[in-house]
Amino acid sequence: MRNFFQGTKFKITLALFISLLLGVFFAAVSTSGTSPVSSAVSFITTPLQNVAVAAGELFSDFTGYFVSSHSYAEEVSSLKEEISELKNRLVDYEKTKHKLDAYEEFLEVKDENPDFTFVPSSIILRDTSEIYGTFTLNSGSADGISIGDPVISGNALVGVIREVTENSSTVYTLFHPSVSVSTYEIRTREDCYTEAETEYSRDGFIKLSGLTKTTPVVSGGIVCTSGIGGVYPRDLIIGTVKEIKTDEVGISAYALIIPDADYSLLTDVFVITDFEGKNS
């Protein structure tokens, strides 16, 4: 093989090949009308120029993309601010709506009970450490609220004030074992009383005790405050009877009540600071 590259035939073939390339080159030069040197330089630099042009276009595209991305980011930021503002407006609307609903119910109760004196209050804290639904209001002794004042939502009894500071007060709901209310069932007029027990409070029921063994009270009956003792005004709604049960010794009956007030949705309530027959 080495002898072949050094042989005469190979040298002749190589000379012919070089002559052919030169012929093509000079033909191209004569056709383009440029000098051999210019053509040679052009032959070398043209690919480099093409690369430079391509690089310039790529940089231009990148710069345009950067500017577009920046504008897009600003637009997204502006939209986020608008959405945030709309959310805040929606929250304000819902708060206002709840307050208006509460005041509409208040006006109905006020019309039916002109002797009631009210203090409107908002719930500012819920005690999540217990199951009785205890909560704190933003009104206190400075607003005329005292321990023992009933708390209502619409025409439904929610609970009673148990602790008071100058600017806040704590409400124990009807689920709390320390709260007992004298009541009656509106159809049968049978007297009874609420007696909350933890096992029922956990499931959202209030125990209604004091029913006779053969009580005519049935599921669906409505239970209201009786006004006996002057602690709570008469005819505030407690709730609806779910079922009747017989006690362990079988000498009396009791009922489970679903409270009329939906404690999970409460945001605004009214404290009754005075009413006709209070503490009588």
C-alpha atoms as a PDB file:
ATOM      1  CA  MET A   1       0.000   0.000   0.000  1.00  0.00           C
ATOM      2  CA  ARG A   2       2.854   2.381   0.814  1.00  0.00           C
ATOM      3  CA  ASN A   3       4.394   1.729  -2.608  1.00  0.00           C
ATOM      4  CA  PHE A   4       1.079   2.700  -4.216  1.00  0.00           C
ATOM      5  CA  PHE A   5       1.115   6.240  -2.749  1.00  0.00           C
ATOM      6  CA  GLN A   6       4.724   6.639  -3.855  1.00  0.00           C
ATOM      7  CA  GLY A   7       4.117   5.220  -7.309  1.00  0.00           C
ATOM      8  CA  THR A   8       3.821   7.111 -10.584  1.00  0.00           C
ATOM      9  CA  LYS A   9       0.127   6.200 -11.130  1.00  0.00           C
ATOM     10  CA  PHE A  10      -0.914   7.769  -7.843  1.00  0.00           C
ATOM     11  CA  LYS A  11       1.046  10.959  -8.544  1.00  0.00           C
ATOM     12  CA  ILE A  12      -0.565  11.290 -11.987  1.00  0.00           C
ATOM     13  CA  THR A  13      -4.041  10.716 -10.544  1.00  0.00           C
ATOM     14  CA  LEU A  14      -3.466  13.303  -7.807  1.00  0.00           C
ATOM     15  CA  ALA A  15      -2.233  15.862 -10.330  1.00  0.00           C
ATOM     16  CA  LEU A  16      -5.322  15.339 -12.487  1.00  0.00           C
ATOM     17  CA  PHE A  17      -7.615  15.733  -9.442  1.00  0.00           C
ATOM     18  CA  ILE A  18      -5.932  18.982  -8.392  1.00  0.00           C
ATOM     19  CA  SER A  19      -6.154  20.290 -11.967  1.00  0.00           C
ATOM     20  CA  LEU A  20      -9.879  19.486 -12.005  1.00  0.00           C
ATOM     21  CA  LEU A  21     -10.461  21.402  -8.735  1.00  0.00           C
ATOM     22  CA  LEU A  22      -8.529  24.391 -10.034  1.00  0.00           C
ATOM     23  CA  GLY A  23     -10.591  24.342 -13.204  1.00  0.00           C
ATOM     24  CA  VAL A  24     -13.829  24.384 -11.241  1.00  0.00           C
ATOM     25  CA  PHE A  25     -12.526  27.173  -9.055  1.00  0.00           C
ATOM     26  CA  PHE A  26     -11.466  29.406 -11.948  1.00  0.00           C
ATOM     27  CA  ALA A  27     -14.724  28.689 -13.753  1.00  0.00           C
ATOM     28  CA  ALA A  28     -16.608  29.893 -10.710  1.00  0.00           C
ATOM     29  CA  VAL A  29     -14.416  32.973 -10.527  1.00  0.00           C
ATOM     30  CA  SER A  30     -14.916  33.871 -14.143  1.00  0.00           C
ATOM     31  CA  THR A  31     -18.644  33.410 -13.875  1.00  0.00           C
ATOM     32  CA  SER A  32     -18.986  35.603 -10.777  1.00  0.00           C
ATOM     33  CA  GLY A  33     -16.894  38.369 -12.311  1.00  0.00           C
ATOM     34  CA  THR A  34     -14.661  38.759  -9.242  1.00  0.00           C
ATOM     35  CA  SER A  35     -10.930  38.431  -8.826  1.00  0.00           C
ATOM     36  CA  PRO A  36      -9.442  35.136  -7.745  1.00  0.00           C
ATOM     37  CA  VAL A  37      -8.305  36.617  -4.436  1.00  0.00           C
ATOM     38  CA  SER A  38     -11.719  38.116  -3.710  1.00  0.00           C
ATOM     39  CA  SER A  39     -13.403  34.897  -4.617  1.00  0.00           C
ATOM     40  CA  ALA A  40     -11.063  32.956  -2.417  1.00  0.00           C
ATOM     41  CA  VAL A  41     -11.687  35.309   0.496  1.00  0.00           C
ATOM     42  CA  SER A  42     -15.404  35.151  -0.169  1.00  0.00           C
ATOM     43  CA  PHE A  43     -15.220  31.377  -0.322  1.00  0.00           C
ATOM     44  CA  ILE A  44     -13.664  31.375   3.146  1.00  0.00           C
ATOM     45  CA  THR A  45     -15.627  34.209   4.829  1.00  0.00           C
ATOM     46  CA  THR A  46     -19.134  33.522   3.515  1.00  0.00           C
ATOM     47  CA  PRO A  47     -19.770  30.632   5.908  1.00  0.00           C
ATOM     48  CA  LEU A  48     -18.521  32.816   8.761  1.00  0.00           C
ATOM     49  CA  GLN A  49     -20.882  35.619   7.718  1.00  0.00           C
ATOM     50  CA  ASN A  50     -23.772  33.176   7.616  1.00  0.00           C
ATOM     51  CA  VAL A  51     -22.948  32.064  11.146  1.00  0.00           C
ATOM     52  CA  ALA A  52     -22.789  35.695  12.341  1.00  0.00           C
ATOM     53  CA  VAL A  53     -26.152  36.506  10.753  1.00  0.00           C
ATOM     54  CA  ALA A  54     -27.735  33.461  12.328  1.00  0.00           C
ATOM     55  CA  ALA A  55     -26.265  34.403  15.711  1.00  0.00           C
ATOM     56  CA  GLY A  56     -27.622  37.957  15.363  1.00  0.00           C
ATOM     57  CA  GLU A  57     -31.099  36.688  14.553  1.00  0.00           C
ATOM     58  CA  LEU A  58     -30.963  34.341  17.513  1.00  0.00           C
ATOM     59  CA  PHE A  59     -29.921  37.171  19.870  1.00  0.00           C
ATOM     60  CA  SER A  60     -32.682  39.373  18.474  1.00  0.00           C
ATOM     61  CA  ASP A  61     -35.230  36.635  19.096  1.00  0.00           C
ATOM     62  CA  PHE A  62     -33.901  36.114  22.623  1.00  0.00           C
ATOM     63  CA  THR A  63     -34.075  39.852  23.374  1.00  0.00           C
ATOM     64  CA  GLY A  64     -37.642  39.979  22.062  1.00  0.00           C
ATOM     65  CA  TYR A  65     -38.549  36.979  24.190  1.00  0.00           C
ATOM     66  CA  PHE A  66     -37.013  38.623  27.261  1.00  0.00           C
ATOM     67  CA  VAL A  67     -38.974  41.835  26.698  1.00  0.00           C
ATOM     68  CA  SER A  68     -42.163  39.843  26.064  1.00  0.00           C
ATOM     69  CA  SER A  69     -41.620  37.779  29.218  1.00  0.00           C
ATOM     70  CA  HIS A  70     -41.089  40.928  31.262  1.00  0.00           C
ATOM     71  CA  SER A  71     -44.320  42.443  29.927  1.00  0.00           C
ATOM     72  CA  TYR A  72     -46.140  39.189  30.597  1.00  0.00           C
ATOM     73  CA  ALA A  73     -44.854  39.110  34.174  1.00  0.00           C
ATOM     74  CA  GLU A  74     -46.074  42.686  34.733  1.00  0.00           C
ATOM     75  CA  GLU A  75     -49.493  41.781  33.323  1.00  0.00           C
ATOM     76  CA  VAL A  76     -49.735  38.707  35.550  1.00  0.00           C
ATOM     77  CA  SER A  77     -48.798  40.797  38.595  1.00  0.00           C
ATOM     78  CA  SER A  78     -51.467  43.359  37.719  1.00  0.00           C
ATOM     79  CA  LEU A  79     -54.097  40.649  37.320  1.00  0.00           C
ATOM     80  CA  LYS A  80     -53.152  39.130  40.678  1.00  0.00           C
ATOM     81  CA  GLU A  81     -53.671  42.516  42.327  1.00  0.00           C
ATOM     82  CA  GLU A  82     -57.086  42.859  40.680  1.00  0.00           C
ATOM     83  CA  ILE A  83     -58.089  39.358  41.806  1.00  0.00           C
ATOM     84  CA  SER A  84     -56.937  40.112  45.358  1.00  0.00           C
ATOM     85  CA  GLU A  85     -58.981  43.316  45.398  1.00  0.00           C
ATOM     86  CA  LEU A  86     -62.057  41.482  44.098  1.00  0.00           C
ATOM     87  CA  LYS A  87     -61.658  38.815  46.803  1.00  0.00           C
ATOM     88  CA  ASN A  88     -61.485  41.511  49.469  1.00  0.00           C
ATOM     89  CA  ARG A  89     -64.620  43.118  48.071  1.00  0.00           C
ATOM     90  CA  LEU A  90     -66.368  39.734  48.096  1.00  0.00           C
ATOM     91  CA  VAL A  91     -65.386  39.173  51.733  1.00  0.00           C
ATOM     92  CA  ASP A  92     -66.683  42.630  52.660  1.00  0.00           C
ATOM     93  CA  TYR A  93     -69.906  41.922  50.759  1.00  0.00           C
ATOM     94  CA  GLU A  94     -70.448  38.612  52.569  1.00  0.00           C
ATOM     95  CA  LYS A  95     -69.780  40.230  55.948  1.00  0.00           C
ATOM     96  CA  THR A  96     -72.211  43.026  55.182  1.00  0.00           C
ATOM     97  CA  LYS A  97     -74.799  40.553  53.919  1.00  0.00           C
ATOM     98  CA  HIS A  98     -74.562  38.476  57.108  1.00  0.00           C
ATOM     99  CA  LYS A  99     -74.921  41.586  59.233  1.00  0.00           C
ATOM    100  CA  LEU A 100     -77.951  42.749  57.251  1.00  0.00           C
ATOM    101  CA  ASP A 101     -79.565  39.312  57.596  1.00  0.00           C
ATOM    102  CA  ALA A 102     -78.905  39.390  61.338  1.00  0.00           C
ATOM    103  CA  TYR A 103     -80.380  42.877  61.680  1.00  0.00           C
ATOM    104  CA  GLU A 104     -83.466  41.917  59.661  1.00  0.00           C
ATOM    105  CA  GLU A 105     -84.074  39.042  62.066  1.00  0.00           C
ATOM    106  CA  PHE A 106     -83.367  41.391  64.970  1.00  0.00           C
ATOM    107  CA  LEU A 107     -85.982  43.861  63.743  1.00  0.00           C
ATOM    108  CA  GLU A 108     -88.563  41.074  63.553  1.00  0.00           C
ATOM    109  CA  VAL A 109     -87.763  39.986  67.113  1.00  0.00           C
ATOM    110  CA  LYS A 110     -87.772  43.603  68.275  1.00  0.00           C
ATOM    111  CA  ASP A 111     -91.196  44.201  66.726  1.00  0.00           C
ATOM    112  CA  GLU A 112     -92.554  41.111  68.481  1.00  0.00           C
ATOM    113  CA  ASN A 113     -90.832  41.965  71.779  1.00  0.00           C
ATOM    114  CA  PRO A 114     -90.708  45.741  72.246  1.00  0.00           C
ATOM    115  CA  ASP A 115     -89.631  45.249  75.883  1.00  0.00           C
ATOM    116  CA  PHE A 116     -86.296  43.683  74.847  1.00  0.00           C
ATOM    117  CA  THR A 117     -83.077  45.700  75.145  1.00  0.00           C
ATOM    118  CA  PHE A 118     -80.340  44.458  72.809  1.00  0.00           C
ATOM    119  CA  VAL A 119     -76.609  44.799  72.321  1.00  0.00           C
ATOM    120  CA  PRO A 120     -75.378  43.695  68.866  1.00  0.00           C
ATOM    121  CA  SER A 121     -72.121  41.738  69.001  1.00  0.00           C
ATOM    122  CA  SER A 122     -69.744  39.849  66.739  1.00  0.00           C
ATOM    123  CA  ILE A 123     -67.923  36.608  67.497  1.00  0.00           C
ATOM    124  CA  ILE A 124     -64.190  37.240  67.706  1.00  0.00           C
ATOM    125  CA  LEU A 125     -62.943  33.927  69.132  1.00  0.00           C
ATOM    126  CA  ARG A 126     -64.063  30.299  69.356  1.00  0.00           C
ATOM    127  CA  ASP A 127     -62.778  27.863  71.952  1.00  0.00           C
ATOM    128  CA  THR A 128     -61.579  24.921  69.855  1.00  0.00           C
ATOM    129  CA  SER A 129     -60.228  23.091  72.904  1.00  0.00           C
ATOM    130  CA  GLU A 130     -63.702  21.855  73.932  1.00  0.00           C
ATOM    131  CA  ILE A 131     -66.794  20.453  72.195  1.00  0.00           C
ATOM    132  CA  TYR A 132     -69.430  22.786  73.598  1.00  0.00           C
ATOM    133  CA  GLY A 133     -69.044  25.627  71.098  1.00  0.00           C
ATOM    134  CA  THR A 134     -67.974  28.290  73.616  1.00  0.00           C
ATOM    135  CA  PHE A 135     -67.160  31.627  71.955  1.00  0.00           C
ATOM    136  CA  THR A 136     -66.133  35.196  72.777  1.00  0.00           C
ATOM    137  CA  LEU A 137     -67.894  38.423  71.754  1.00  0.00           C
ATOM    138  CA  ASN A 138     -66.462  41.878  71.072  1.00  0.00           C
ATOM    139  CA  SER A 139     -68.826  43.516  73.581  1.00  0.00           C
ATOM    140  CA  GLY A 140     -68.589  43.609  77.364  1.00  0.00           C
ATOM    141  CA  SER A 141     -69.542  45.480  80.511  1.00  0.00           C
ATOM    142  CA  ALA A 142     -68.820  48.825  78.854  1.00  0.00           C
ATOM    143  CA  ASP A 143     -71.721  48.030  76.517  1.00  0.00           C
ATOM    144  CA  GLY A 144     -74.068  47.075  79.359  1.00  0.00           C
ATOM    145  CA  ILE A 145     -73.568  43.289  79.163  1.00  0.00           C
ATOM    146  CA  SER A 146     -73.715  41.256  82.381  1.00  0.00           C
ATOM    147  CA  ILE A 147     -73.238  37.641  83.418  1.00  0.00           C
ATOM    148  CA  GLY A 148     -76.459  35.701  82.870  1.00  0.00           C
ATOM    149  CA  ASP A 149     -77.657  37.712  79.857  1.00  0.00           C
ATOM    150  CA  PRO A 150     -79.258  35.549  77.126  1.00  0.00           C
ATOM    151  CA  VAL A 151     -77.656  35.484  73.667  1.00  0.00           C
ATOM    152  CA  ILE A 152     -79.819  35.035  70.584  1.00  0.00           C
ATOM    153  CA  SER A 153     -79.575  34.693  66.815  1.00  0.00           C
ATOM    154  CA  GLY A 154     -82.840  35.697  65.231  1.00  0.00           C
ATOM    155  CA  ASN A 155     -85.557  34.238  67.463  1.00  0.00           C
ATOM    156  CA  ALA A 156     -83.382  31.312  68.578  1.00  0.00           C
ATOM    157  CA  LEU A 157     -81.624  31.069  71.916  1.00  0.00           C
ATOM    158  CA  VAL A 158     -77.893  30.488  71.422  1.00  0.00           C
ATOM    159  CA  GLY A 159     -76.578  30.533  74.984  1.00  0.00           C
ATOM    160  CA  VAL A 160     -75.854  32.707  77.971  1.00  0.00           C
ATOM    161  CA  ILE A 161     -73.109  35.120  79.065  1.00  0.00           C
ATOM    162  CA  ARG A 162     -70.837  33.439  81.620  1.00  0.00           C
ATOM    163  CA  GLU A 163     -67.755  35.703  81.754  1.00  0.00           C
ATOM    164  CA  VAL A 164     -67.472  39.455  81.183  1.00  0.00           C
ATOM    165  CA  THR A 165     -64.639  41.945  80.804  1.00  0.00           C
ATOM    166  CA  GLU A 166     -64.929  45.606  79.927  1.00  0.00           C
ATOM    167  CA  ASN A 167     -64.772  45.000  76.175  1.00  0.00           C
ATOM    168  CA  SER A 168     -65.518  41.305  75.708  1.00  0.00           C
ATOM    169  CA  SER A 169     -67.704  38.507  77.016  1.00  0.00           C
ATOM    170  CA  THR A 170     -67.735  34.707  76.906  1.00  0.00           C
ATOM    171  CA  VAL A 171     -70.818  32.766  75.842  1.00  0.00           C
ATOM    172  CA  TYR A 172     -71.656  29.235  76.952  1.00  0.00           C
ATOM    173  CA  THR A 173     -73.920  27.589  74.405  1.00  0.00           C
ATOM    174  CA  LEU A 174     -76.856  25.247  75.028  1.00  0.00           C
ATOM    175  CA  PHE A 175     -74.417  22.338  74.545  1.00  0.00           C
ATOM    176  CA  HIS A 176     -72.539  23.257  77.723  1.00  0.00           C
ATOM    177  CA  PRO A 177     -73.338  21.027  80.744  1.00  0.00           C
ATOM    178  CA  SER A 178     -73.595  24.082  83.022  1.00  0.00           C
ATOM    179  CA  VAL A 179     -76.440  25.580  80.968  1.00  0.00           C
ATOM    180  CA  SER A 180     -80.020  24.530  81.744  1.00  0.00           C
ATOM    181  CA  VAL A 181     -83.118  26.264  80.373  1.00  0.00           C
ATOM    182  CA  SER A 182     -86.777  25.966  81.409  1.00  0.00           C
ATOM    183  CA  THR A 183     -88.792  25.082  78.308  1.00  0.00           C
ATOM    184  CA  TYR A 184     -92.057  23.764  76.932  1.00  0.00           C
ATOM    185  CA  GLU A 185     -93.153  21.946  73.769  1.00  0.00           C
ATOM    186  CA  ILE A 186     -95.497  24.231  71.839  1.00  0.00           C
ATOM    187  CA  ARG A 187     -98.076  21.622  70.695  1.00  0.00           C
ATOM    188  CA  THR A 188     -98.524  19.648  73.903  1.00  0.00           C
ATOM    189  CA  ARG A 189     -97.601  22.547  76.242  1.00  0.00           C
ATOM    190  CA  GLU A 190     -95.684  20.026  78.347  1.00  0.00           C
ATOM    191  CA  ASP A 191     -93.100  21.633  80.616  1.00  0.00           C
ATOM    192  CA  CYS A 192     -89.520  20.349  80.469  1.00  0.00           C
ATOM    193  CA  TYR A 193     -85.955  21.649  80.610  1.00  0.00           C
ATOM    194  CA  THR A 194     -82.676  21.316  78.732  1.00  0.00           C
ATOM    195  CA  GLU A 195     -79.922  19.328  80.376  1.00  0.00           C
ATOM    196  CA  ALA A 196     -76.864  19.115  78.150  1.00  0.00           C
ATOM    197  CA  GLU A 197     -74.730  15.991  78.360  1.00  0.00           C
ATOM    198  CA  THR A 198     -71.294  15.592  76.784  1.00  0.00           C
ATOM    199  CA  GLU A 199     -72.129  12.403  74.867  1.00  0.00           C
ATOM    200  CA  TYR A 200     -75.028  14.149  73.120  1.00  0.00           C
ATOM    201  CA  SER A 201     -73.333  17.536  72.753  1.00  0.00           C
ATOM    202  CA  ARG A 202     -70.521  15.825  70.863  1.00  0.00           C
ATOM    203  CA  ASP A 203     -73.085  14.669  68.273  1.00  0.00           C
ATOM    204  CA  GLY A 204     -74.830  18.047  68.077  1.00  0.00           C
ATOM    205  CA  PHE A 205     -77.874  17.237  70.224  1.00  0.00           C
ATOM    206  CA  ILE A 206     -79.322  18.868  73.333  1.00  0.00           C
ATOM    207  CA  LYS A 207     -80.967  16.637  75.926  1.00  0.00           C
ATOM    208  CA  LEU A 208     -84.509  17.613  76.926  1.00  0.00           C
ATOM    209  CA  SER A 209     -85.405  16.190  80.325  1.00  0.00           C
ATOM    210  CA  GLY A 210     -88.491  16.217  82.568  1.00  0.00           C
ATOM    211  CA  LEU A 211     -90.930  14.575  80.129  1.00  0.00           C
ATOM    212  CA  THR A 212     -93.512  12.140  81.491  1.00  0.00           C
ATOM    213  CA  LYS A 213     -93.135   8.455  80.669  1.00  0.00           C
ATOM    214  CA  THR A 214     -96.219   8.637  78.416  1.00  0.00           C
ATOM    215  CA  THR A 215     -95.344  12.043  76.990  1.00  0.00           C
ATOM    216  CA  PRO A 216     -97.366  13.154  73.965  1.00  0.00           C
ATOM    217  CA  VAL A 217     -94.300  14.963  72.631  1.00  0.00           C
ATOM    218  CA  VAL A 218     -93.217  13.423  69.332  1.00  0.00           C
ATOM    219  CA  SER A 219     -90.440  13.814  66.796  1.00  0.00           C
ATOM    220  CA  GLY A 220     -90.738  17.144  65.006  1.00  0.00           C
ATOM    221  CA  GLY A 221     -92.081  18.999  68.019  1.00  0.00           C
ATOM    222  CA  ILE A 222     -90.784  22.519  68.606  1.00  0.00           C
ATOM    223  CA  VAL A 223     -89.339  23.447  71.997  1.00  0.00           C
ATOM    224  CA  CYS A 224     -89.239  27.044  73.282  1.00  0.00           C
ATOM    225  CA  THR A 225     -88.211  28.849  76.449  1.00  0.00           C
ATOM    226  CA  SER A 226     -90.938  28.998  79.065  1.00  0.00           C
ATOM    227  CA  GLY A 227     -89.745  32.173  80.810  1.00  0.00           C
ATOM    228  CA  ILE A 228     -89.995  30.511  84.231  1.00  0.00           C
ATOM    229  CA  GLY A 229     -87.461  31.943  86.672  1.00  0.00           C
ATOM    230  CA  GLY A 230     -86.924  35.170  84.737  1.00  0.00           C
ATOM    231  CA  VAL A 231     -83.530  34.082  83.358  1.00  0.00           C
ATOM    232  CA  TYR A 232     -84.634  33.820  79.717  1.00  0.00           C
ATOM    233  CA  PRO A 233     -87.538  35.567  77.974  1.00  0.00           C
ATOM    234  CA  ARG A 234     -90.463  33.377  76.996  1.00  0.00           C
ATOM    235  CA  ASP A 235     -90.864  31.883  73.491  1.00  0.00           C
ATOM    236  CA  LEU A 236     -87.297  31.949  72.278  1.00  0.00           C
ATOM    237  CA  ILE A 237     -86.826  28.869  70.102  1.00  0.00           C
ATOM    238  CA  ILE A 238     -84.570  26.118  71.448  1.00  0.00           C
ATOM    239  CA  GLY A 239     -84.887  23.560  68.671  1.00  0.00           C
ATOM    240  CA  THR A 240     -86.766  20.630  67.160  1.00  0.00           C
ATOM    241  CA  VAL A 241     -87.294  17.206  68.720  1.00  0.00           C
ATOM    242  CA  LYS A 242     -85.423  14.455  66.903  1.00  0.00           C
ATOM    243  CA  GLU A 243     -86.465  11.436  68.980  1.00  0.00           C
ATOM    244  CA  ILE A 244     -87.975  10.384  72.294  1.00  0.00           C
ATOM    245  CA  LYS A 245     -86.164   8.040  74.678  1.00  0.00           C
ATOM    246  CA  THR A 246     -87.042   6.384  78.017  1.00  0.00           C
ATOM    247  CA  ASP A 247     -84.630   6.820  80.914  1.00  0.00           C
ATOM    248  CA  GLU A 248     -82.729   3.902  82.435  1.00  0.00           C
ATOM    249  CA  VAL A 249     -85.183   3.250  85.248  1.00  0.00           C
ATOM    250  CA  GLY A 250     -88.173   3.554  82.957  1.00  0.00           C
ATOM    251  CA  ILE A 251     -90.131   6.105  84.959  1.00  0.00           C
ATOM    252  CA  SER A 252     -89.753   9.104  82.670  1.00  0.00           C
ATOM    253  CA  ALA A 253     -88.810  10.061  79.152  1.00  0.00           C
ATOM    254  CA  TYR A 254     -86.432  12.509  77.563  1.00  0.00           C
ATOM    255  CA  ALA A 255     -85.886  13.843  74.070  1.00  0.00           C
ATOM    256  CA  LEU A 256     -82.960  14.748  71.873  1.00  0.00           C
ATOM    257  CA  ILE A 257     -83.220  18.162  70.300  1.00  0.00           C
ATOM    258  CA  ILE A 258     -81.565  19.591  67.213  1.00  0.00           C
ATOM    259  CA  PRO A 259     -80.863  23.255  68.092  1.00  0.00           C
ATOM    260  CA  ASP A 260     -82.466  25.871  65.893  1.00  0.00           C
ATOM    261  CA  ALA A 261     -79.312  27.994  65.756  1.00  0.00           C
ATOM    262  CA  ASP A 262     -76.567  26.753  63.434  1.00  0.00           C
ATOM    263  CA  TYR A 263     -73.534  27.404  65.617  1.00  0.00           C
ATOM    264  CA  SER A 264     -71.055  26.711  62.818  1.00  0.00           C
ATOM    265  CA  LEU A 265     -72.411  29.641  60.784  1.00  0.00           C
ATOM    266  CA  LEU A 266     -72.776  32.193  63.563  1.00  0.00           C
ATOM    267  CA  THR A 267     -70.817  35.405  63.127  1.00  0.00           C
ATOM    268  CA  ASP A 268     -73.134  38.022  64.638  1.00  0.00           C
ATOM    269  CA  VAL A 269     -75.505  37.699  67.602  1.00  0.00           C
ATOM    270  CA  PHE A 270     -77.543  39.879  69.960  1.00  0.00           C
ATOM    271  CA  VAL A 271     -77.299  39.968  73.729  1.00  0.00           C
ATOM    272  CA  ILE A 272     -80.552  40.643  75.584  1.00  0.00           C
ATOM    273  CA  THR A 273     -79.565  42.903  78.462  1.00  0.00           C
ATOM    274  CA  ASP A 274     -83.090  43.543  79.704  1.00  0.00           C
ATOM    275  CA  PHE A 275     -86.644  42.319  79.163  1.00  0.00           C
ATOM    276  CA  GLU A 276     -89.971  42.415  80.930  1.00  0.00           C
ATOM    277  CA  GLY A 277     -90.031  39.875  83.777  1.00  0.00           C
ATOM    278  CA  LYS A 278     -86.251  39.551  84.037  1.00  0.00           C
ATOM    279  CA  ASN A 279     -85.180  37.944  87.350  1.00  0.00           C
ATOM    280  CA  SER A 280     -88.788  37.822  88.519  1.00  0.00           C
END
